[in-house]
Amino acid sequence: MQDIRQRKDLELLVAEFYKKVLVDDKIAPVFTGKIKIDWESHLPIICDFWENLERWLLHWNATLTKNFEGDNATQISERAGHIGRLILFKISQK
């Protein structure tokens, strides 16, 4: 297994991640449903997604560890967790 070194590595990670997400019956509707660009109706959809943050991170990290190992892969995993927690914090402040 290799570390993430090039853009094509990131493209693989993201493509494989979304393959898992789009078949997950709990969170796939967030990505496959028709979203209106109306914040009042869009915010609940975003909240539904982040309410399942642990599930999102589960798929992200499973995809990451299946395809990569090394310092960059570890940093990307940690960043995903930080980003998720930051967004949840900001959502909870409103």
Protein backbone atom coordinates (compact mmCIF):
# COMPACT_ATOMS: atom_id res chain seq x y z
CA MET A 1 0.00 0.00 0.00
CA GLN A 2 1.22 3.52 -0.69
CA ASP A 3 0.82 6.97 0.79
CA ILE A 4 -1.15 9.73 -0.91
CA ARG A 5 1.38 11.48 -3.11
CA GLN A 6 -0.39 12.79 -6.20
CA ARG A 7 -3.69 14.29 -7.26
CA LYS A 8 -4.71 10.95 -8.80
CA ASP A 9 -4.40 9.40 -5.31
CA LEU A 10 -6.82 11.97 -3.91
CA GLU A 11 -9.17 11.41 -6.85
CA LEU A 12 -9.18 7.68 -6.09
CA LEU A 13 -9.88 8.32 -2.41
CA VAL A 14 -12.78 10.67 -3.13
CA ALA A 15 -14.27 8.42 -5.84
CA GLU A 16 -14.10 5.32 -3.64
CA PHE A 17 -15.50 7.26 -0.67
CA TYR A 18 -18.55 8.44 -2.60
CA LYS A 19 -19.18 4.94 -3.95
CA LYS A 20 -19.68 3.84 -0.34
CA VAL A 21 -21.68 6.90 0.69
CA LEU A 22 -24.08 6.68 -2.24
CA VAL A 23 -25.16 3.14 -1.31
CA ASP A 24 -25.50 3.83 2.42
CA ASP A 25 -29.24 3.98 3.07
CA LYS A 26 -28.82 6.35 6.03
CA ILE A 27 -26.87 9.11 4.31
CA ALA A 28 -27.16 8.54 0.55
CA PRO A 29 -30.41 10.53 0.33
CA VAL A 30 -28.51 13.61 1.45
CA PHE A 31 -26.35 13.39 -1.67
CA THR A 32 -28.83 12.01 -4.17
CA GLY A 33 -31.92 14.02 -3.34
CA LYS A 34 -32.86 17.14 -5.20
CA ILE A 35 -31.63 20.11 -3.20
CA LYS A 36 -33.19 23.50 -3.74
CA ILE A 37 -30.89 26.46 -3.34
CA ASP A 38 -33.13 27.80 -0.61
CA TRP A 39 -31.30 27.96 2.72
CA GLU A 40 -34.44 27.41 4.76
CA SER A 41 -35.02 24.05 3.12
CA HIS A 42 -31.32 23.29 2.58
CA LEU A 43 -30.11 23.72 6.17
CA PRO A 44 -32.11 20.75 7.52
CA ILE A 45 -30.52 18.58 4.84
CA ILE A 46 -27.06 19.75 5.88
CA CYS A 47 -27.96 19.08 9.51
CA ASP A 48 -29.17 15.58 8.59
CA PHE A 49 -25.81 14.94 6.99
CA TRP A 50 -23.74 16.22 9.91
CA GLU A 51 -25.96 14.44 12.37
CA ASN A 52 -24.49 11.29 10.81
CA LEU A 53 -20.92 12.58 11.04
CA GLU A 54 -19.62 9.43 12.69
CA ARG A 55 -21.05 7.42 9.81
CA TRP A 56 -19.48 9.76 7.25
CA LEU A 57 -16.10 9.46 8.98
CA LEU A 58 -16.49 5.68 9.12
CA HIS A 59 -16.80 5.50 5.31
CA TRP A 60 -14.07 8.10 4.77
CA ASN A 61 -11.56 6.33 7.03
CA ALA A 62 -12.45 2.86 5.71
CA THR A 63 -11.82 4.06 2.16
CA LEU A 64 -8.63 5.81 3.17
CA THR A 65 -7.12 2.86 5.06
CA LYS A 66 -8.11 0.40 2.32
CA ASN A 67 -6.13 2.34 -0.27
CA PHE A 68 -3.36 4.23 1.51
CA GLU A 69 -1.00 4.32 4.47
CA GLY A 70 1.62 6.80 5.56
CA ASP A 71 1.99 10.27 7.01
CA ASN A 72 -0.21 12.02 4.44
CA ALA A 73 -2.99 9.47 4.82
CA THR A 74 -2.86 9.90 8.62
CA GLN A 75 -3.01 13.68 8.29
CA ILE A 76 -5.97 13.49 5.91
CA SER A 77 -7.84 11.24 8.35
CA GLU A 78 -7.15 13.64 11.21
CA ARG A 79 -8.19 16.65 9.12
CA ALA A 80 -11.49 15.01 8.21
CA GLY A 81 -12.24 14.55 11.90
CA HIS A 82 -11.28 18.15 12.69
CA ILE A 83 -13.37 19.53 9.84
CA GLY A 84 -16.39 17.48 10.90
CA ARG A 85 -16.12 18.58 14.52
CA LEU A 86 -15.65 22.23 13.51
CA ILE A 87 -18.74 22.20 11.31
CA LEU A 88 -20.79 20.52 14.02
CA PHE A 89 -19.62 23.14 16.52
CA LYS A 90 -20.53 26.00 14.17
CA ILE A 91 -23.94 24.49 13.44
CA SER A 92 -24.63 24.09 17.18
CA GLN A 93 -23.79 27.76 17.78
CA LYS A 94 -26.68 28.99 15.59
